[in-house]
Amino acid sequence: MSDFPVTTAPSADARPSGLRLEGKRVVVTGGARGIGAEIAGRFSSEGAHVAVLDLLADRGTELCASIGGSYHQVDLQDPGDTATAMSDALEALGGVDILVNSAGILHFSSSST
């Protein structure tokens, strides 16, 4: 037996909403597939309102339909397109509490630098 008191987090039943992120507003860039999609789904399952920004319209739309989020198509390499999509996402959410930048592309090449 330890001499130190054990502190535990409140159970889900002890939280008023039952969900850790109830009502939080989350934007996930690169959220249509892979790690970004898992992040978006997890935030949604914890009660957050999620907006996904991604270039992949079919995957983004399908994901958001399944998690109850909003999808915003964007080419994140284009600053103007990014500003417009972010503005649309913020309008849909009514603001933002959490931003997750998960967008990225990995290219393999045989050339040396």
PDB file of N, CA and C in Angstrom:
ATOM      1  N   MET A   1       0.837  -1.177   0.000  1.00  0.00           N
ATOM      2  CA  MET A   1       0.000   0.000   0.000  1.00  0.00           C
ATOM      3  C   MET A   1       0.881   1.238   0.000  1.00  0.00           C
ATOM      4  N   SER A   2       0.525   2.225  -0.795  1.00  0.00           N
ATOM      5  CA  SER A   2       1.301   3.444  -0.932  1.00  0.00           C
ATOM      6  C   SER A   2       0.996   4.422   0.194  1.00  0.00           C
ATOM      7  N   ASP A   3       1.995   5.227   0.536  1.00  0.00           N
ATOM      8  CA  ASP A   3       1.802   6.280   1.522  1.00  0.00           C
ATOM      9  C   ASP A   3       1.223   7.545   0.894  1.00  0.00           C
ATOM     10  N   PHE A   4       1.115   7.555  -0.431  1.00  0.00           N
ATOM     11  CA  PHE A   4       0.624   8.731  -1.140  1.00  0.00           C
ATOM     12  C   PHE A   4      -0.838   8.528  -1.516  1.00  0.00           C
ATOM     13  N   PRO A   5      -1.647   9.580  -1.378  1.00  0.00           N
ATOM     14  CA  PRO A   5      -3.050   9.453  -1.785  1.00  0.00           C
ATOM     15  C   PRO A   5      -3.157   9.287  -3.293  1.00  0.00           C
ATOM     16  N   VAL A   6      -4.101   8.517  -3.716  1.00  0.00           N
ATOM     17  CA  VAL A   6      -4.336   8.292  -5.133  1.00  0.00           C
ATOM     18  C   VAL A   6      -5.448   9.223  -5.585  1.00  0.00           C
ATOM     19  N   THR A   7      -5.157  10.014  -6.617  1.00  0.00           N
ATOM     20  CA  THR A   7      -6.150  10.931  -7.158  1.00  0.00           C
ATOM     21  C   THR A   7      -6.625  10.368  -8.483  1.00  0.00           C
ATOM     22  N   THR A   8      -7.903  10.296  -8.658  1.00  0.00           N
ATOM     23  CA  THR A   8      -8.448   9.812  -9.923  1.00  0.00           C
ATOM     24  C   THR A   8      -9.274  10.911 -10.568  1.00  0.00           C
ATOM     25  N   ALA A   9      -9.336  10.873 -11.876  1.00  0.00           N
ATOM     26  CA  ALA A   9     -10.159  11.828 -12.613  1.00  0.00           C
ATOM     27  C   ALA A   9     -11.618  11.496 -12.383  1.00  0.00           C
ATOM     28  N   PRO A  10     -12.480  12.508 -12.446  1.00  0.00           N
ATOM     29  CA  PRO A  10     -13.907  12.222 -12.283  1.00  0.00           C
ATOM     30  C   PRO A  10     -14.397  11.289 -13.379  1.00  0.00           C
ATOM     31  N   SER A  11     -15.304  10.427 -13.037  1.00  0.00           N
ATOM     32  CA  SER A  11     -15.862   9.520 -14.031  1.00  0.00           C
ATOM     33  C   SER A  11     -16.742  10.313 -14.986  1.00  0.00           C
ATOM     34  N   ALA A  12     -17.076   9.701 -16.113  1.00  0.00           N
ATOM     35  CA  ALA A  12     -17.951  10.360 -17.089  1.00  0.00           C
ATOM     36  C   ALA A  12     -19.277  10.720 -16.446  1.00  0.00           C
ATOM     37  N   ASP A  13     -19.756   9.903 -15.501  1.00  0.00           N
ATOM     38  CA  ASP A  13     -21.027  10.177 -14.835  1.00  0.00           C
ATOM     39  C   ASP A  13     -20.948  11.424 -13.967  1.00  0.00           C
ATOM     40  N   ALA A  14     -19.756  11.760 -13.460  1.00  0.00           N
ATOM     41  CA  ALA A  14     -19.587  12.917 -12.592  1.00  0.00           C
ATOM     42  C   ALA A  14     -19.524  14.223 -13.386  1.00  0.00           C
ATOM     43  N   ARG A  15     -19.243  14.143 -14.683  1.00  0.00           N
ATOM     44  CA  ARG A  15     -19.206  15.342 -15.507  1.00  0.00           C
ATOM     45  C   ARG A  15     -20.619  15.704 -15.904  1.00  0.00           C
ATOM     46  N   PRO A  16     -20.965  16.989 -15.862  1.00  0.00           N
ATOM     47  CA  PRO A  16     -22.340  17.391 -16.180  1.00  0.00           C
ATOM     48  C   PRO A  16     -22.817  16.913 -17.540  1.00  0.00           C
ATOM     49  N   SER A  17     -21.957  16.989 -18.561  1.00  0.00           N
ATOM     50  CA  SER A  17     -22.399  16.630 -19.906  1.00  0.00           C
ATOM     51  C   SER A  17     -22.142  15.166 -20.237  1.00  0.00           C
ATOM     52  N   GLY A  18     -21.215  14.543 -19.536  1.00  0.00           N
ATOM     53  CA  GLY A  18     -20.851  13.171 -19.844  1.00  0.00           C
ATOM     54  C   GLY A  18     -19.816  13.059 -20.948  1.00  0.00           C
ATOM     55  N   LEU A  19     -19.547  14.153 -21.649  1.00  0.00           N
ATOM     56  CA  LEU A  19     -18.557  14.150 -22.718  1.00  0.00           C
ATOM     57  C   LEU A  19     -17.524  15.232 -22.425  1.00  0.00           C
ATOM     58  N   ARG A  20     -16.256  14.877 -22.539  1.00  0.00           N
ATOM     59  CA  ARG A  20     -15.180  15.791 -22.159  1.00  0.00           C
ATOM     60  C   ARG A  20     -15.137  17.080 -22.968  1.00  0.00           C
ATOM     61  N   LEU A  21     -15.520  17.026 -24.231  1.00  0.00           N
ATOM     62  CA  LEU A  21     -15.386  18.201 -25.093  1.00  0.00           C
ATOM     63  C   LEU A  21     -16.729  18.740 -25.569  1.00  0.00           C
ATOM     64  N   GLU A  22     -17.768  18.478 -24.807  1.00  0.00           N
ATOM     65  CA  GLU A  22     -19.124  18.919 -25.151  1.00  0.00           C
ATOM     66  C   GLU A  22     -19.134  20.409 -25.498  1.00  0.00           C
ATOM     67  N   GLY A  23     -19.576  20.717 -26.727  1.00  0.00           N
ATOM     68  CA  GLY A  23     -19.734  22.095 -27.145  1.00  0.00           C
ATOM     69  C   GLY A  23     -18.473  22.782 -27.638  1.00  0.00           C
ATOM     70  N   LYS A  24     -17.324  22.156 -27.536  1.00  0.00           N
ATOM     71  CA  LYS A  24     -16.094  22.769 -28.051  1.00  0.00           C
ATOM     72  C   LYS A  24     -16.143  22.768 -29.575  1.00  0.00           C
ATOM     73  N   ARG A  25     -15.501  23.751 -30.178  1.00  0.00           N
ATOM     74  CA  ARG A  25     -15.493  23.907 -31.627  1.00  0.00           C
ATOM     75  C   ARG A  25     -14.087  23.628 -32.138  1.00  0.00           C
ATOM     76  N   VAL A  26     -13.983  22.651 -33.062  1.00  0.00           N
ATOM     77  CA  VAL A  26     -12.685  22.159 -33.497  1.00  0.00           C
ATOM     78  C   VAL A  26     -12.567  22.237 -35.020  1.00  0.00           C
ATOM     79  N   VAL A  27     -11.436  22.755 -35.489  1.00  0.00           N
ATOM     80  CA  VAL A  27     -11.100  22.743 -36.917  1.00  0.00           C
ATOM     81  C   VAL A  27      -9.922  21.787 -37.085  1.00  0.00           C
ATOM     82  N   VAL A  28     -10.067  20.841 -38.031  1.00  0.00           N
ATOM     83  CA  VAL A  28      -8.991  19.891 -38.325  1.00  0.00           C
ATOM     84  C   VAL A  28      -8.613  20.045 -39.791  1.00  0.00           C
ATOM     85  N   THR A  29      -7.385  20.528 -40.052  1.00  0.00           N
ATOM     86  CA  THR A  29      -6.908  20.576 -41.433  1.00  0.00           C
ATOM     87  C   THR A  29      -6.351  19.198 -41.784  1.00  0.00           C
ATOM     88  N   GLY A  30      -6.545  18.794 -43.035  1.00  0.00           N
ATOM     89  CA  GLY A  30      -6.090  17.470 -43.451  1.00  0.00           C
ATOM     90  C   GLY A  30      -6.881  16.374 -42.764  1.00  0.00           C
ATOM     91  N   GLY A  31      -8.150  16.648 -42.508  1.00  0.00           N
ATOM     92  CA  GLY A  31      -8.963  15.719 -41.722  1.00  0.00           C
ATOM     93  C   GLY A  31      -9.787  14.716 -42.501  1.00  0.00           C
ATOM     94  N   ALA A  32      -9.614  14.626 -43.809  1.00  0.00           N
ATOM     95  CA  ALA A  32     -10.455  13.728 -44.607  1.00  0.00           C
ATOM     96  C   ALA A  32     -10.036  12.271 -44.541  1.00  0.00           C
ATOM     97  N   ARG A  33      -8.786  12.005 -44.197  1.00  0.00           N
ATOM     98  CA  ARG A  33      -8.335  10.610 -44.133  1.00  0.00           C
ATOM     99  C   ARG A  33      -7.160  10.494 -43.165  1.00  0.00           C
ATOM    100  N   GLY A  34      -6.767   9.274 -42.908  1.00  0.00           N
ATOM    101  CA  GLY A  34      -5.591   9.001 -42.085  1.00  0.00           C
ATOM    102  C   GLY A  34      -5.702   9.525 -40.668  1.00  0.00           C
ATOM    103  N   ILE A  35      -4.587  10.037 -40.175  1.00  0.00           N
ATOM    104  CA  ILE A  35      -4.525  10.529 -38.796  1.00  0.00           C
ATOM    105  C   ILE A  35      -5.514  11.669 -38.587  1.00  0.00           C
ATOM    106  N   GLY A  36      -5.634  12.567 -39.562  1.00  0.00           N
ATOM    107  CA  GLY A  36      -6.559  13.686 -39.440  1.00  0.00           C
ATOM    108  C   GLY A  36      -7.999  13.228 -39.266  1.00  0.00           C
ATOM    109  N   ALA A  37      -8.404  12.209 -40.021  1.00  0.00           N
ATOM    110  CA  ALA A  37      -9.762  11.679 -39.898  1.00  0.00           C
ATOM    111  C   ALA A  37      -9.985  11.042 -38.536  1.00  0.00           C
ATOM    112  N   GLU A  38      -8.980  10.347 -38.041  1.00  0.00           N
ATOM    113  CA  GLU A  38      -9.088   9.742 -36.701  1.00  0.00           C
ATOM    114  C   GLU A  38      -9.214  10.827 -35.632  1.00  0.00           C
ATOM    115  N   ILE A  39      -8.452  11.891 -35.790  1.00  0.00           N
ATOM    116  CA  ILE A  39      -8.526  13.010 -34.843  1.00  0.00           C
ATOM    117  C   ILE A  39      -9.914  13.636 -34.876  1.00  0.00           C
ATOM    118  N   ALA A  40     -10.427  13.913 -36.074  1.00  0.00           N
ATOM    119  CA  ALA A  40     -11.752  14.518 -36.213  1.00  0.00           C
ATOM    120  C   ALA A  40     -12.819  13.627 -35.591  1.00  0.00           C
ATOM    121  N   GLY A  41     -12.735  12.323 -35.863  1.00  0.00           N
ATOM    122  CA  GLY A  41     -13.702  11.388 -35.299  1.00  0.00           C
ATOM    123  C   GLY A  41     -13.644  11.328 -33.786  1.00  0.00           C
ATOM    124  N   ARG A  42     -12.442  11.372 -33.239  1.00  0.00           N
ATOM    125  CA  ARG A  42     -12.289  11.312 -31.784  1.00  0.00           C
ATOM    126  C   ARG A  42     -12.847  12.565 -31.110  1.00  0.00           C
ATOM    127  N   PHE A  43     -12.545  13.731 -31.682  1.00  0.00           N
ATOM    128  CA  PHE A  43     -13.106  14.961 -31.122  1.00  0.00           C
ATOM    129  C   PHE A  43     -14.627  14.918 -31.157  1.00  0.00           C
ATOM    130  N   SER A  44     -15.182  14.467 -32.266  1.00  0.00           N
ATOM    131  CA  SER A  44     -16.638  14.363 -32.380  1.00  0.00           C
ATOM    132  C   SER A  44     -17.212  13.406 -31.342  1.00  0.00           C
ATOM    133  N   SER A  45     -16.562  12.256 -31.146  1.00  0.00           N
ATOM    134  CA  SER A  45     -17.069  11.266 -30.188  1.00  0.00           C
ATOM    135  C   SER A  45     -17.021  11.789 -28.755  1.00  0.00           C
ATOM    136  N   GLU A  46     -16.202  12.813 -28.524  1.00  0.00           N
ATOM    137  CA  GLU A  46     -16.109  13.423 -27.195  1.00  0.00           C
ATOM    138  C   GLU A  46     -17.026  14.641 -27.059  1.00  0.00           C
ATOM    139  N   GLY A  47     -17.895  14.869 -28.072  1.00  0.00           N
ATOM    140  CA  GLY A  47     -18.901  15.916 -27.972  1.00  0.00           C
ATOM    141  C   GLY A  47     -18.584  17.217 -28.674  1.00  0.00           C
ATOM    142  N   ALA A  48     -17.431  17.312 -29.337  1.00  0.00           N
ATOM    143  CA  ALA A  48     -17.045  18.552 -30.019  1.00  0.00           C
ATOM    144  C   ALA A  48     -17.775  18.694 -31.352  1.00  0.00           C
ATOM    145  N   HIS A  49     -17.937  19.932 -31.769  1.00  0.00           N
ATOM    146  CA  HIS A  49     -18.432  20.262 -33.100  1.00  0.00           C
ATOM    147  C   HIS A  49     -17.189  20.386 -33.981  1.00  0.00           C
ATOM    148  N   VAL A  50     -17.150  19.648 -35.089  1.00  0.00           N
ATOM    149  CA  VAL A  50     -15.930  19.534 -35.884  1.00  0.00           C
ATOM    150  C   VAL A  50     -16.133  20.061 -37.302  1.00  0.00           C
ATOM    151  N   ALA A  51     -15.153  20.839 -37.764  1.00  0.00           N
ATOM    152  CA  ALA A  51     -15.078  21.250 -39.164  1.00  0.00           C
ATOM    153  C   ALA A  51     -13.792  20.677 -39.739  1.00  0.00           C
ATOM    154  N   VAL A  52     -13.910  20.013 -40.876  1.00  0.00           N
ATOM    155  CA  VAL A  52     -12.762  19.400 -41.544  1.00  0.00           C
ATOM    156  C   VAL A  52     -12.426  20.209 -42.783  1.00  0.00           C
ATOM    157  N   LEU A  53     -11.156  20.607 -42.901  1.00  0.00           N
ATOM    158  CA  LEU A  53     -10.655  21.291 -44.091  1.00  0.00           C
ATOM    159  C   LEU A  53      -9.719  20.340 -44.810  1.00  0.00           C
ATOM    160  N   ASP A  54     -10.016  20.066 -46.081  1.00  0.00           N
ATOM    161  CA  ASP A  54      -9.199  19.120 -46.835  1.00  0.00           C
ATOM    162  C   ASP A  54      -9.498  19.285 -48.314  1.00  0.00           C
ATOM    163  N   LEU A  55      -8.577  18.832 -49.137  1.00  0.00           N
ATOM    164  CA  LEU A  55      -8.739  18.874 -50.591  1.00  0.00           C
ATOM    165  C   LEU A  55      -9.618  17.732 -51.103  1.00  0.00           C
ATOM    166  N   LEU A  56      -9.681  16.634 -50.368  1.00  0.00           N
ATOM    167  CA  LEU A  56     -10.377  15.420 -50.805  1.00  0.00           C
ATOM    168  C   LEU A  56     -11.870  15.497 -50.499  1.00  0.00           C
ATOM    169  N   ALA A  57     -12.643  16.001 -51.456  1.00  0.00           N
ATOM    170  CA  ALA A  57     -14.064  16.276 -51.243  1.00  0.00           C
ATOM    171  C   ALA A  57     -14.877  15.030 -50.905  1.00  0.00           C
ATOM    172  N   ASP A  58     -14.702  13.943 -51.673  1.00  0.00           N
ATOM    173  CA  ASP A  58     -15.508  12.742 -51.424  1.00  0.00           C
ATOM    174  C   ASP A  58     -15.261  12.188 -50.025  1.00  0.00           C
ATOM    175  N   ARG A  59     -13.995  12.041 -49.667  1.00  0.00           N
ATOM    176  CA  ARG A  59     -13.654  11.495 -48.342  1.00  0.00           C
ATOM    177  C   ARG A  59     -14.077  12.446 -47.222  1.00  0.00           C
ATOM    178  N   GLY A  60     -13.849  13.744 -47.421  1.00  0.00           N
ATOM    179  CA  GLY A  60     -14.217  14.723 -46.401  1.00  0.00           C
ATOM    180  C   GLY A  60     -15.713  14.776 -46.171  1.00  0.00           C
ATOM    181  N   THR A  61     -16.468  14.761 -47.258  1.00  0.00           N
ATOM    182  CA  THR A  61     -17.929  14.788 -47.152  1.00  0.00           C
ATOM    183  C   THR A  61     -18.448  13.530 -46.464  1.00  0.00           C
ATOM    184  N   GLU A  62     -17.901  12.383 -46.851  1.00  0.00           N
ATOM    185  CA  GLU A  62     -18.314  11.109 -46.252  1.00  0.00           C
ATOM    186  C   GLU A  62     -17.988  11.068 -44.753  1.00  0.00           C
ATOM    187  N   LEU A  63     -16.784  11.485 -44.405  1.00  0.00           N
ATOM    188  CA  LEU A  63     -16.396  11.493 -42.995  1.00  0.00           C
ATOM    189  C   LEU A  63     -17.316  12.403 -42.193  1.00  0.00           C
ATOM    190  N   CYS A  64     -17.523  13.615 -42.677  1.00  0.00           N
ATOM    191  CA  CYS A  64     -18.341  14.570 -41.925  1.00  0.00           C
ATOM    192  C   CYS A  64     -19.789  14.119 -41.804  1.00  0.00           C
ATOM    193  N   ALA A  65     -20.289  13.428 -42.808  1.00  0.00           N
ATOM    194  CA  ALA A  65     -21.639  12.868 -42.701  1.00  0.00           C
ATOM    195  C   ALA A  65     -21.699  11.822 -41.594  1.00  0.00           C
ATOM    196  N   SER A  66     -20.620  11.059 -41.432  1.00  0.00           N
ATOM    197  CA  SER A  66     -20.632   9.990 -40.421  1.00  0.00           C
ATOM    198  C   SER A  66     -20.384  10.507 -39.006  1.00  0.00           C
ATOM    199  N   ILE A  67     -19.714  11.666 -38.863  1.00  0.00           N
ATOM    200  CA  ILE A  67     -19.424  12.178 -37.518  1.00  0.00           C
ATOM    201  C   ILE A  67     -20.264  13.407 -37.163  1.00  0.00           C
ATOM    202  N   GLY A  68     -21.081  13.877 -38.105  1.00  0.00           N
ATOM    203  CA  GLY A  68     -21.903  15.051 -37.835  1.00  0.00           C
ATOM    204  C   GLY A  68     -21.129  16.352 -37.907  1.00  0.00           C
ATOM    205  N   GLY A  69     -20.078  16.379 -38.713  1.00  0.00           N
ATOM    206  CA  GLY A  69     -19.265  17.584 -38.844  1.00  0.00           C
ATOM    207  C   GLY A  69     -19.567  18.328 -40.132  1.00  0.00           C
ATOM    208  N   SER A  70     -18.826  19.404 -40.354  1.00  0.00           N
ATOM    209  CA  SER A  70     -18.965  20.147 -41.607  1.00  0.00           C
ATOM    210  C   SER A  70     -17.660  20.027 -42.387  1.00  0.00           C
ATOM    211  N   TYR A  71     -17.797  19.861 -43.690  1.00  0.00           N
ATOM    212  CA  TYR A  71     -16.627  19.706 -44.560  1.00  0.00           C
ATOM    213  C   TYR A  71     -16.431  20.980 -45.369  1.00  0.00           C
ATOM    214  N   HIS A  72     -15.173  21.401 -45.517  1.00  0.00           N
ATOM    215  CA  HIS A  72     -14.829  22.592 -46.283  1.00  0.00           C
ATOM    216  C   HIS A  72     -13.648  22.254 -47.186  1.00  0.00           C
ATOM    217  N   GLN A  73     -13.924  22.221 -48.494  1.00  0.00           N
ATOM    218  CA  GLN A  73     -12.870  21.871 -49.445  1.00  0.00           C
ATOM    219  C   GLN A  73     -11.884  23.028 -49.559  1.00  0.00           C
ATOM    220  N   VAL A  74     -10.590  22.686 -49.560  1.00  0.00           N
ATOM    221  CA  VAL A  74      -9.565  23.714 -49.602  1.00  0.00           C
ATOM    222  C   VAL A  74      -8.255  23.149 -50.132  1.00  0.00           C
ATOM    223  N   ASP A  75      -7.537  23.983 -50.881  1.00  0.00           N
ATOM    224  CA  ASP A  75      -6.158  23.691 -51.250  1.00  0.00           C
ATOM    225  C   ASP A  75      -5.302  24.521 -50.297  1.00  0.00           C
ATOM    226  N   LEU A  76      -4.739  23.874 -49.286  1.00  0.00           N
ATOM    227  CA  LEU A  76      -4.003  24.584 -48.248  1.00  0.00           C
ATOM    228  C   LEU A  76      -2.703  25.216 -48.754  1.00  0.00           C
ATOM    229  N   GLN A  77      -2.314  24.914 -49.993  1.00  0.00           N
ATOM    230  CA  GLN A  77      -1.155  25.576 -50.592  1.00  0.00           C
ATOM    231  C   GLN A  77      -1.510  26.955 -51.136  1.00  0.00           C
ATOM    232  N   ASP A  78      -2.795  27.243 -51.211  1.00  0.00           N
ATOM    233  CA  ASP A  78      -3.285  28.514 -51.745  1.00  0.00           C
ATOM    234  C   ASP A  78      -3.770  29.384 -50.579  1.00  0.00           C
ATOM    235  N   PRO A  79      -3.051  30.450 -50.246  1.00  0.00           N
ATOM    236  CA  PRO A  79      -3.426  31.279 -49.101  1.00  0.00           C
ATOM    237  C   PRO A  79      -4.846  31.851 -49.188  1.00  0.00           C
ATOM    238  N   GLY A  80      -5.251  32.270 -50.368  1.00  0.00           N
ATOM    239  CA  GLY A  80      -6.598  32.816 -50.533  1.00  0.00           C
ATOM    240  C   GLY A  80      -7.669  31.763 -50.298  1.00  0.00           C
ATOM    241  N   ASP A  81      -7.462  30.587 -50.863  1.00  0.00           N
ATOM    242  CA  ASP A  81      -8.392  29.472 -50.682  1.00  0.00           C
ATOM    243  C   ASP A  81      -8.454  29.068 -49.213  1.00  0.00           C
ATOM    244  N   THR A  82      -7.296  29.063 -48.554  1.00  0.00           N
ATOM    245  CA  THR A  82      -7.234  28.710 -47.144  1.00  0.00           C
ATOM    246  C   THR A  82      -8.001  29.715 -46.299  1.00  0.00           C
ATOM    247  N   ALA A  83      -7.825  31.005 -46.573  1.00  0.00           N
ATOM    248  CA  ALA A  83      -8.533  32.044 -45.818  1.00  0.00           C
ATOM    249  C   ALA A  83     -10.047  31.904 -45.984  1.00  0.00           C
ATOM    250  N   THR A  84     -10.480  31.630 -47.211  1.00  0.00           N
ATOM    251  CA  THR A  84     -11.913  31.478 -47.472  1.00  0.00           C
ATOM    252  C   THR A  84     -12.480  30.256 -46.742  1.00  0.00           C
ATOM    253  N   ALA A  85     -11.794  29.117 -46.855  1.00  0.00           N
ATOM    254  CA  ALA A  85     -12.273  27.893 -46.208  1.00  0.00           C
ATOM    255  C   ALA A  85     -12.291  28.043 -44.692  1.00  0.00           C
ATOM    256  N   MET A  86     -11.256  28.671 -44.129  1.00  0.00           N
ATOM    257  CA  MET A  86     -11.214  28.864 -42.688  1.00  0.00           C
ATOM    258  C   MET A  86     -12.348  29.788 -42.243  1.00  0.00           C
ATOM    259  N   SER A  87     -12.594  30.823 -42.995  1.00  0.00           N
ATOM    260  CA  SER A  87     -13.697  31.732 -42.685  1.00  0.00           C
ATOM    261  C   SER A  87     -15.033  30.994 -42.714  1.00  0.00           C
ATOM    262  N   ASP A  88     -15.221  30.153 -43.720  1.00  0.00           N
ATOM    263  CA  ASP A  88     -16.450  29.358 -43.822  1.00  0.00           C
ATOM    264  C   ASP A  88     -16.583  28.401 -42.640  1.00  0.00           C
ATOM    265  N   ALA A  89     -15.474  27.772 -42.247  1.00  0.00           N
ATOM    266  CA  ALA A  89     -15.494  26.837 -41.112  1.00  0.00           C
ATOM    267  C   ALA A  89     -15.823  27.569 -39.815  1.00  0.00           C
ATOM    268  N   LEU A  90     -15.210  28.730 -39.611  1.00  0.00           N
ATOM    269  CA  LEU A  90     -15.478  29.501 -38.399  1.00  0.00           C
ATOM    270  C   LEU A  90     -16.928  29.965 -38.348  1.00  0.00           C
ATOM    271  N   GLU A  91     -17.466  30.319 -39.500  1.00  0.00           N
ATOM    272  CA  GLU A  91     -18.872  30.712 -39.553  1.00  0.00           C
ATOM    273  C   GLU A  91     -19.779  29.527 -39.215  1.00  0.00           C
ATOM    274  N   ALA A  92     -19.454  28.354 -39.769  1.00  0.00           N
ATOM    275  CA  ALA A  92     -20.255  27.157 -39.507  1.00  0.00           C
ATOM    276  C   ALA A  92     -20.213  26.759 -38.026  1.00  0.00           C
ATOM    277  N   LEU A  93     -19.054  26.934 -37.396  1.00  0.00           N
ATOM    278  CA  LEU A  93     -18.888  26.550 -35.998  1.00  0.00           C
ATOM    279  C   LEU A  93     -19.285  27.652 -35.023  1.00  0.00           C
ATOM    280  N   GLY A  94     -19.304  28.890 -35.489  1.00  0.00           N
ATOM    281  CA  GLY A  94     -19.553  30.006 -34.589  1.00  0.00           C
ATOM    282  C   GLY A  94     -18.314  30.401 -33.798  1.00  0.00           C
ATOM    283  N   GLY A  95     -17.142  30.082 -34.314  1.00  0.00           N
ATOM    284  CA  GLY A  95     -15.872  30.369 -33.647  1.00  0.00           C
ATOM    285  C   GLY A  95     -15.032  29.114 -33.605  1.00  0.00           C
ATOM    286  N   VAL A  96     -13.931  29.169 -32.874  1.00  0.00           N
ATOM    287  CA  VAL A  96     -13.067  27.996 -32.755  1.00  0.00           C
ATOM    288  C   VAL A  96     -12.427  27.983 -31.374  1.00  0.00           C
ATOM    289  N   ASP A  97     -12.353  26.805 -30.797  1.00  0.00           N
ATOM    290  CA  ASP A  97     -11.672  26.599 -29.518  1.00  0.00           C
ATOM    291  C   ASP A  97     -10.368  25.832 -29.706  1.00  0.00           C
ATOM    292  N   ILE A  98     -10.345  24.946 -30.706  1.00  0.00           N
ATOM    293  CA  ILE A  98      -9.192  24.067 -30.926  1.00  0.00           C
ATOM    294  C   ILE A  98      -8.904  24.004 -32.421  1.00  0.00           C
ATOM    295  N   LEU A  99      -7.624  24.159 -32.772  1.00  0.00           N
ATOM    296  CA  LEU A  99      -7.190  24.012 -34.158  1.00  0.00           C
ATOM    297  C   LEU A  99      -6.149  22.911 -34.216  1.00  0.00           C
ATOM    298  N   VAL A 100      -6.387  21.924 -35.088  1.00  0.00           N
ATOM    299  CA  VAL A 100      -5.438  20.832 -35.284  1.00  0.00           C
ATOM    300  C   VAL A 100      -4.942  20.907 -36.720  1.00  0.00           C
ATOM    301  N   ASN A 101      -3.653  21.156 -36.886  1.00  0.00           N
ATOM    302  CA  ASN A 101      -3.046  21.188 -38.217  1.00  0.00           C
ATOM    303  C   ASN A 101      -2.468  19.807 -38.502  1.00  0.00           C
ATOM    304  N   SER A 102      -3.242  19.015 -39.233  1.00  0.00           N
ATOM    305  CA  SER A 102      -2.842  17.642 -39.521  1.00  0.00           C
ATOM    306  C   SER A 102      -2.547  17.434 -41.001  1.00  0.00           C
ATOM    307  N   ALA A 103      -2.632  18.485 -41.790  1.00  0.00           N
ATOM    308  CA  ALA A 103      -2.405  18.362 -43.231  1.00  0.00           C
ATOM    309  C   ALA A 103      -0.923  18.172 -43.516  1.00  0.00           C
ATOM    310  N   GLY A 104      -0.649  17.308 -44.457  1.00  0.00           N
ATOM    311  CA  GLY A 104       0.728  17.094 -44.862  1.00  0.00           C
ATOM    312  C   GLY A 104       0.805  16.069 -45.965  1.00  0.00           C
ATOM    313  N   ILE A 105       1.853  16.154 -46.734  1.00  0.00           N
ATOM    314  CA  ILE A 105       2.062  15.215 -47.833  1.00  0.00           C
ATOM    315  C   ILE A 105       3.477  14.683 -47.723  1.00  0.00           C
ATOM    316  N   LEU A 106       3.625  13.399 -47.887  1.00  0.00           N
ATOM    317  CA  LEU A 106       4.942  12.772 -47.856  1.00  0.00           C
ATOM    318  C   LEU A 106       5.223  12.215 -49.246  1.00  0.00           C
ATOM    319  N   HIS A 107       6.290  12.692 -49.829  1.00  0.00           N
ATOM    320  CA  HIS A 107       6.708  12.199 -51.142  1.00  0.00           C
ATOM    321  C   HIS A 107       8.035  11.474 -50.997  1.00  0.00           C
ATOM    322  N   PHE A 108       8.120  10.288 -51.540  1.00  0.00           N
ATOM    323  CA  PHE A 108       9.372   9.547 -51.564  1.00  0.00           C
ATOM    324  C   PHE A 108      10.043   9.774 -52.909  1.00  0.00           C
ATOM    325  N   SER A 109      11.330   9.894 -52.883  1.00  0.00           N
ATOM    326  CA  SER A 109      12.068  10.143 -54.123  1.00  0.00           C
ATOM    327  C   SER A 109      13.384   9.390 -54.093  1.00  0.00           C
ATOM    328  N   SER A 110      13.826   8.973 -55.245  1.00  0.00           N
ATOM    329  CA  SER A 110      15.098   8.273 -55.314  1.00  0.00           C
ATOM    330  C   SER A 110      16.255   9.242 -55.567  1.00  0.00           C
ATOM    331  N   SER A 111      15.942  10.491 -55.834  1.00  0.00           N
ATOM    332  CA  SER A 111      17.006  11.462 -56.103  1.00  0.00           C
ATOM    333  C   SER A 111      17.638  11.920 -54.800  1.00  0.00           C
ATOM    334  N   SER A 112      18.917  12.246 -54.857  1.00  0.00           N
ATOM    335  CA  SER A 112      19.608  12.753 -53.673  1.00  0.00           C
ATOM    336  C   SER A 112      19.721  14.265 -53.769  1.00  0.00           C
ATOM    337  N   THR A 113      19.823  14.908 -52.636  1.00  0.00           N
ATOM    338  CA  THR A 113      19.927  16.370 -52.618  1.00  0.00           C
ATOM    339  C   THR A 113      21.325  16.822 -52.321  1.00  0.00           C
TER     340      THR A 113
END
